[in-house]
Amino acid sequence: FTDAEFYQRSFDPREYLKAFYSLSDSQGRPNTFLMQNLRSLFKMFSLEGLRGDTLIDVGCGPTIYQLLSACERFREIIALDYTDQNRRELEKWLKNEAGAFDWSPVVKYVCELEGDR
């Protein structure tokens, strides 16, 4: 763990996303850890009765993978993070800005898990 100010100054969301949230690495090997997490989240959000008005993710980082399978179960999803750079990274994706992390392979994988809906 590190102090908040150091984390605020030093954390690089682009490097973090590139290292942990691509479905395959630079040599084409699958990211089995991410794929297992996505399968687990799909199973969890598929449980009977698991739904609601609002889901709040506190400390989401620059990521959306953990929210994808929740989209059909919650009317509103709120993602919160401490660092400015993580929030900016999410905003770039939301606004479809150039240079935003490409979540489309992860989204496609989750859609396949959910039956291509």
N, C-alpha and C. Protein backbone atom coordinates (compact mmCIF):
# COMPACT_ATOMS: atom_id res chain seq x y z
N PHE A 1 0.84 -1.18 0.00
CA PHE A 1 0.00 0.00 0.00
C PHE A 1 0.88 1.24 0.00
N THR A 2 0.33 2.30 -0.49
CA THR A 2 1.07 3.55 -0.57
C THR A 2 0.15 4.69 -0.14
N ASP A 3 0.74 5.82 0.13
CA ASP A 3 -0.12 6.93 0.58
C ASP A 3 -0.91 7.49 -0.61
N ALA A 4 -2.01 8.14 -0.30
CA ALA A 4 -2.96 8.60 -1.31
C ALA A 4 -2.34 9.58 -2.30
N GLU A 5 -1.55 10.49 -1.82
CA GLU A 5 -0.97 11.50 -2.72
C GLU A 5 0.02 10.88 -3.71
N PHE A 6 0.80 9.92 -3.24
CA PHE A 6 1.73 9.24 -4.14
C PHE A 6 0.95 8.49 -5.22
N TYR A 7 -0.10 7.80 -4.81
CA TYR A 7 -0.94 7.07 -5.76
C TYR A 7 -1.57 8.04 -6.77
N GLN A 8 -2.06 9.17 -6.28
CA GLN A 8 -2.68 10.18 -7.15
C GLN A 8 -1.68 10.69 -8.19
N ARG A 9 -0.44 10.88 -7.79
CA ARG A 9 0.59 11.39 -8.69
C ARG A 9 1.14 10.33 -9.63
N SER A 10 1.23 9.09 -9.17
CA SER A 10 2.04 8.10 -9.87
C SER A 10 1.29 7.03 -10.64
N PHE A 11 0.05 6.78 -10.31
CA PHE A 11 -0.66 5.68 -10.97
C PHE A 11 -0.94 6.02 -12.43
N ASP A 12 -0.60 5.10 -13.32
CA ASP A 12 -0.81 5.28 -14.76
C ASP A 12 -1.90 4.33 -15.23
N PRO A 13 -3.12 4.82 -15.41
CA PRO A 13 -4.22 3.93 -15.78
C PRO A 13 -4.01 3.24 -17.12
N ARG A 14 -3.36 3.89 -18.07
CA ARG A 14 -3.14 3.27 -19.39
C ARG A 14 -2.25 2.04 -19.27
N GLU A 15 -1.17 2.14 -18.52
CA GLU A 15 -0.29 0.99 -18.32
C GLU A 15 -1.01 -0.13 -17.57
N TYR A 16 -1.79 0.24 -16.58
CA TYR A 16 -2.57 -0.73 -15.80
C TYR A 16 -3.56 -1.47 -16.70
N LEU A 17 -4.29 -0.74 -17.52
CA LEU A 17 -5.27 -1.35 -18.41
C LEU A 17 -4.59 -2.26 -19.42
N LYS A 18 -3.50 -1.79 -19.99
CA LYS A 18 -2.77 -2.57 -20.98
C LYS A 18 -2.24 -3.87 -20.36
N ALA A 19 -1.77 -3.80 -19.13
CA ALA A 19 -1.18 -4.97 -18.48
C ALA A 19 -2.21 -6.01 -18.04
N PHE A 20 -3.40 -5.56 -17.62
CA PHE A 20 -4.33 -6.49 -16.97
C PHE A 20 -5.68 -6.68 -17.66
N TYR A 21 -6.05 -5.84 -18.61
CA TYR A 21 -7.42 -5.89 -19.12
C TYR A 21 -7.55 -6.08 -20.61
N SER A 22 -6.54 -6.64 -21.23
CA SER A 22 -6.64 -7.10 -22.61
C SER A 22 -6.92 -8.59 -22.56
N LEU A 23 -7.71 -9.10 -23.51
CA LEU A 23 -8.04 -10.53 -23.50
C LEU A 23 -6.85 -11.41 -23.85
N SER A 24 -5.83 -10.82 -24.47
CA SER A 24 -4.62 -11.59 -24.76
C SER A 24 -3.41 -10.68 -24.65
N ASP A 25 -2.27 -11.29 -24.40
CA ASP A 25 -1.05 -10.49 -24.27
C ASP A 25 -0.43 -10.23 -25.64
N SER A 26 0.72 -9.61 -25.66
CA SER A 26 1.35 -9.22 -26.93
C SER A 26 1.75 -10.43 -27.78
N GLN A 27 1.84 -11.61 -27.16
CA GLN A 27 2.17 -12.82 -27.91
C GLN A 27 0.94 -13.67 -28.21
N GLY A 28 -0.23 -13.12 -27.96
CA GLY A 28 -1.47 -13.80 -28.31
C GLY A 28 -1.97 -14.82 -27.28
N ARG A 29 -1.30 -14.90 -26.14
CA ARG A 29 -1.75 -15.83 -25.09
C ARG A 29 -2.96 -15.24 -24.39
N PRO A 30 -3.97 -16.07 -24.11
CA PRO A 30 -5.19 -15.55 -23.48
C PRO A 30 -4.94 -15.10 -22.05
N ASN A 31 -5.68 -14.07 -21.65
CA ASN A 31 -5.63 -13.57 -20.28
C ASN A 31 -6.64 -14.39 -19.48
N THR A 32 -6.22 -15.55 -19.02
CA THR A 32 -7.14 -16.48 -18.35
C THR A 32 -7.67 -15.91 -17.04
N PHE A 33 -6.90 -15.08 -16.37
CA PHE A 33 -7.36 -14.47 -15.13
C PHE A 33 -8.55 -13.55 -15.39
N LEU A 34 -8.44 -12.68 -16.38
CA LEU A 34 -9.54 -11.78 -16.74
C LEU A 34 -10.75 -12.57 -17.21
N MET A 35 -10.52 -13.57 -18.04
CA MET A 35 -11.63 -14.36 -18.56
C MET A 35 -12.37 -15.08 -17.44
N GLN A 36 -11.64 -15.60 -16.47
CA GLN A 36 -12.28 -16.25 -15.32
C GLN A 36 -13.07 -15.24 -14.50
N ASN A 37 -12.51 -14.06 -14.30
CA ASN A 37 -13.24 -13.00 -13.58
C ASN A 37 -14.54 -12.65 -14.29
N LEU A 38 -14.49 -12.52 -15.61
CA LEU A 38 -15.69 -12.19 -16.37
C LEU A 38 -16.74 -13.30 -16.27
N ARG A 39 -16.29 -14.55 -16.31
CA ARG A 39 -17.23 -15.68 -16.15
C ARG A 39 -17.86 -15.68 -14.76
N SER A 40 -17.05 -15.40 -13.75
CA SER A 40 -17.57 -15.36 -12.37
C SER A 40 -18.57 -14.22 -12.19
N LEU A 41 -18.27 -13.06 -12.74
CA LEU A 41 -19.20 -11.93 -12.65
C LEU A 41 -20.50 -12.23 -13.40
N PHE A 42 -20.39 -12.86 -14.55
CA PHE A 42 -21.59 -13.25 -15.31
C PHE A 42 -22.46 -14.19 -14.47
N LYS A 43 -21.84 -15.19 -13.85
CA LYS A 43 -22.61 -16.12 -13.01
C LYS A 43 -23.25 -15.41 -11.83
N MET A 44 -22.51 -14.52 -11.20
CA MET A 44 -23.04 -13.81 -10.04
C MET A 44 -24.23 -12.93 -10.43
N PHE A 45 -24.08 -12.17 -11.51
CA PHE A 45 -25.16 -11.27 -11.92
C PHE A 45 -26.31 -12.00 -12.60
N SER A 46 -26.15 -13.29 -12.83
CA SER A 46 -27.24 -14.09 -13.40
C SER A 46 -28.10 -14.74 -12.31
N LEU A 47 -27.71 -14.60 -11.06
CA LEU A 47 -28.47 -15.22 -9.97
C LEU A 47 -29.89 -14.67 -9.93
N GLU A 48 -30.82 -15.56 -9.71
CA GLU A 48 -32.23 -15.18 -9.61
C GLU A 48 -32.41 -14.15 -8.49
N GLY A 49 -33.11 -13.08 -8.78
CA GLY A 49 -33.40 -12.07 -7.76
C GLY A 49 -32.34 -11.01 -7.58
N LEU A 50 -31.20 -11.18 -8.23
CA LEU A 50 -30.14 -10.17 -8.11
C LEU A 50 -30.40 -9.08 -9.13
N ARG A 51 -31.04 -8.03 -8.68
CA ARG A 51 -31.32 -6.86 -9.50
C ARG A 51 -31.65 -5.70 -8.59
N GLY A 52 -31.71 -4.51 -9.14
CA GLY A 52 -32.04 -3.36 -8.31
C GLY A 52 -32.08 -2.08 -9.10
N ASP A 53 -32.33 -1.01 -8.40
CA ASP A 53 -32.38 0.30 -9.04
C ASP A 53 -30.97 0.85 -9.29
N THR A 54 -30.12 0.79 -8.25
CA THR A 54 -28.80 1.41 -8.36
C THR A 54 -27.71 0.47 -7.85
N LEU A 55 -26.66 0.33 -8.63
CA LEU A 55 -25.46 -0.38 -8.23
C LEU A 55 -24.35 0.65 -8.14
N ILE A 56 -23.63 0.66 -7.02
CA ILE A 56 -22.54 1.61 -6.82
C ILE A 56 -21.23 0.83 -6.68
N ASP A 57 -20.28 1.15 -7.53
CA ASP A 57 -18.95 0.54 -7.49
C ASP A 57 -17.99 1.58 -6.93
N VAL A 58 -17.57 1.40 -5.69
CA VAL A 58 -16.64 2.32 -5.04
C VAL A 58 -15.22 1.82 -5.27
N GLY A 59 -14.40 2.64 -5.89
CA GLY A 59 -13.02 2.24 -6.18
C GLY A 59 -12.93 1.44 -7.46
N CYS A 60 -13.63 1.87 -8.48
CA CYS A 60 -13.69 1.12 -9.74
C CYS A 60 -12.39 1.16 -10.52
N GLY A 61 -11.52 2.10 -10.20
CA GLY A 61 -10.32 2.26 -11.01
C GLY A 61 -10.70 2.75 -12.39
N PRO A 62 -9.87 2.50 -13.38
CA PRO A 62 -10.18 2.93 -14.74
C PRO A 62 -10.93 1.85 -15.53
N THR A 63 -11.62 0.95 -14.83
CA THR A 63 -12.17 -0.24 -15.47
C THR A 63 -13.70 -0.28 -15.49
N ILE A 64 -14.22 -1.04 -16.47
CA ILE A 64 -15.66 -1.29 -16.57
C ILE A 64 -15.99 -2.77 -16.59
N TYR A 65 -14.98 -3.65 -16.70
CA TYR A 65 -15.23 -5.08 -16.86
C TYR A 65 -16.17 -5.62 -15.79
N GLN A 66 -16.05 -5.11 -14.57
CA GLN A 66 -16.80 -5.61 -13.44
C GLN A 66 -18.27 -5.20 -13.49
N LEU A 67 -18.62 -4.29 -14.39
CA LEU A 67 -19.98 -3.77 -14.47
C LEU A 67 -20.76 -4.31 -15.67
N LEU A 68 -20.08 -4.94 -16.60
CA LEU A 68 -20.72 -5.33 -17.85
C LEU A 68 -21.91 -6.26 -17.66
N SER A 69 -21.76 -7.29 -16.87
CA SER A 69 -22.86 -8.24 -16.66
C SER A 69 -23.95 -7.69 -15.75
N ALA A 70 -23.69 -6.57 -15.11
CA ALA A 70 -24.69 -5.94 -14.24
C ALA A 70 -25.65 -5.04 -15.01
N CYS A 71 -25.29 -4.68 -16.24
CA CYS A 71 -26.06 -3.69 -17.00
C CYS A 71 -27.53 -4.06 -17.18
N GLU A 72 -27.83 -5.34 -17.33
CA GLU A 72 -29.21 -5.76 -17.54
C GLU A 72 -29.96 -5.92 -16.22
N ARG A 73 -29.26 -5.84 -15.10
CA ARG A 73 -29.87 -6.09 -13.79
C ARG A 73 -30.13 -4.83 -12.97
N PHE A 74 -29.48 -3.74 -13.34
CA PHE A 74 -29.61 -2.49 -12.58
C PHE A 74 -29.98 -1.34 -13.51
N ARG A 75 -30.89 -0.52 -13.07
CA ARG A 75 -31.35 0.62 -13.85
C ARG A 75 -30.25 1.66 -13.99
N GLU A 76 -29.49 1.84 -12.92
CA GLU A 76 -28.43 2.86 -12.88
C GLU A 76 -27.18 2.25 -12.26
N ILE A 77 -26.03 2.56 -12.85
CA ILE A 77 -24.75 2.11 -12.29
C ILE A 77 -23.89 3.35 -12.07
N ILE A 78 -23.39 3.48 -10.85
CA ILE A 78 -22.52 4.60 -10.49
C ILE A 78 -21.13 4.04 -10.19
N ALA A 79 -20.13 4.56 -10.89
CA ALA A 79 -18.75 4.12 -10.69
C ALA A 79 -17.97 5.29 -10.09
N LEU A 80 -17.32 5.03 -8.96
CA LEU A 80 -16.57 6.06 -8.24
C LEU A 80 -15.11 5.66 -8.12
N ASP A 81 -14.22 6.64 -8.23
CA ASP A 81 -12.81 6.36 -7.99
C ASP A 81 -12.13 7.58 -7.40
N TYR A 82 -11.09 7.33 -6.64
CA TYR A 82 -10.35 8.38 -5.93
C TYR A 82 -9.52 9.24 -6.87
N THR A 83 -8.85 8.62 -7.84
CA THR A 83 -7.87 9.38 -8.61
C THR A 83 -8.48 10.08 -9.82
N ASP A 84 -7.98 11.26 -10.05
CA ASP A 84 -8.40 12.05 -11.20
C ASP A 84 -8.13 11.32 -12.51
N GLN A 85 -6.95 10.71 -12.62
CA GLN A 85 -6.58 10.06 -13.88
C GLN A 85 -7.47 8.85 -14.19
N ASN A 86 -7.92 8.14 -13.17
CA ASN A 86 -8.84 7.02 -13.42
C ASN A 86 -10.19 7.53 -13.90
N ARG A 87 -10.67 8.58 -13.29
CA ARG A 87 -11.95 9.16 -13.72
C ARG A 87 -11.83 9.73 -15.13
N ARG A 88 -10.71 10.37 -15.44
CA ARG A 88 -10.50 10.89 -16.80
C ARG A 88 -10.48 9.75 -17.83
N GLU A 89 -9.83 8.66 -17.46
CA GLU A 89 -9.77 7.51 -18.37
C GLU A 89 -11.17 6.97 -18.65
N LEU A 90 -12.00 6.88 -17.64
CA LEU A 90 -13.38 6.43 -17.83
C LEU A 90 -14.18 7.42 -18.68
N GLU A 91 -13.98 8.70 -18.44
CA GLU A 91 -14.67 9.72 -19.23
C GLU A 91 -14.28 9.64 -20.70
N LYS A 92 -13.00 9.40 -20.99
CA LYS A 92 -12.56 9.25 -22.38
C LYS A 92 -13.31 8.11 -23.05
N TRP A 93 -13.48 7.00 -22.33
CA TRP A 93 -14.21 5.87 -22.89
C TRP A 93 -15.68 6.22 -23.08
N LEU A 94 -16.29 6.83 -22.07
CA LEU A 94 -17.71 7.19 -22.16
C LEU A 94 -17.99 8.14 -23.33
N LYS A 95 -17.07 9.06 -23.58
CA LYS A 95 -17.25 10.05 -24.64
C LYS A 95 -16.70 9.56 -25.99
N ASN A 96 -16.20 8.33 -26.01
CA ASN A 96 -15.65 7.74 -27.23
C ASN A 96 -14.54 8.60 -27.82
N GLU A 97 -13.69 9.12 -26.95
CA GLU A 97 -12.59 9.98 -27.38
C GLU A 97 -11.43 9.17 -27.92
N ALA A 98 -10.68 9.79 -28.79
CA ALA A 98 -9.47 9.16 -29.33
C ALA A 98 -8.53 8.82 -28.19
N GLY A 99 -7.91 7.66 -28.27
CA GLY A 99 -6.96 7.24 -27.25
C GLY A 99 -7.57 6.55 -26.05
N ALA A 100 -8.89 6.44 -26.03
CA ALA A 100 -9.54 5.74 -24.92
C ALA A 100 -9.23 4.24 -25.03
N PHE A 101 -9.17 3.58 -23.90
CA PHE A 101 -8.94 2.14 -23.90
C PHE A 101 -10.05 1.44 -24.67
N ASP A 102 -9.69 0.47 -25.47
CA ASP A 102 -10.65 -0.26 -26.29
C ASP A 102 -11.20 -1.45 -25.50
N TRP A 103 -12.39 -1.27 -24.96
CA TRP A 103 -13.05 -2.33 -24.20
C TRP A 103 -13.82 -3.30 -25.09
N SER A 104 -13.88 -3.06 -26.40
CA SER A 104 -14.75 -3.87 -27.26
C SER A 104 -14.44 -5.37 -27.23
N PRO A 105 -13.19 -5.83 -27.17
CA PRO A 105 -12.98 -7.28 -27.07
C PRO A 105 -13.56 -7.87 -25.77
N VAL A 106 -13.44 -7.13 -24.67
CA VAL A 106 -13.97 -7.58 -23.39
C VAL A 106 -15.50 -7.58 -23.43
N VAL A 107 -16.08 -6.52 -24.00
CA VAL A 107 -17.53 -6.43 -24.11
C VAL A 107 -18.05 -7.58 -24.99
N LYS A 108 -17.39 -7.85 -26.10
CA LYS A 108 -17.80 -8.96 -26.98
C LYS A 108 -17.74 -10.29 -26.25
N TYR A 109 -16.68 -10.49 -25.47
CA TYR A 109 -16.55 -11.73 -24.70
C TYR A 109 -17.72 -11.89 -23.73
N VAL A 110 -18.07 -10.82 -23.02
CA VAL A 110 -19.18 -10.87 -22.08
C VAL A 110 -20.49 -11.11 -22.84
N CYS A 111 -20.66 -10.48 -23.99
CA CYS A 111 -21.88 -10.72 -24.78
C CYS A 111 -21.98 -12.19 -25.18
N GLU A 112 -20.85 -12.81 -25.54
CA GLU A 112 -20.86 -14.23 -25.87
C GLU A 112 -21.27 -15.07 -24.66
N LEU A 113 -20.76 -14.71 -23.48
CA LEU A 113 -21.15 -15.42 -22.26
C LEU A 113 -22.65 -15.31 -22.03
N GLU A 114 -23.20 -14.14 -22.34
CA GLU A 114 -24.60 -13.87 -22.10
C GLU A 114 -25.51 -14.33 -23.24
N GLY A 115 -24.92 -14.97 -24.25
CA GLY A 115 -25.72 -15.46 -25.35
C GLY A 115 -25.90 -14.44 -26.46
N ASP A 116 -24.89 -13.60 -26.68
CA ASP A 116 -24.90 -12.60 -27.77
C ASP A 116 -26.05 -11.62 -27.70
N ARG A 117 -26.48 -11.27 -26.52
CA ARG A 117 -27.57 -10.28 -26.45
C ARG A 117 -27.04 -8.88 -26.51
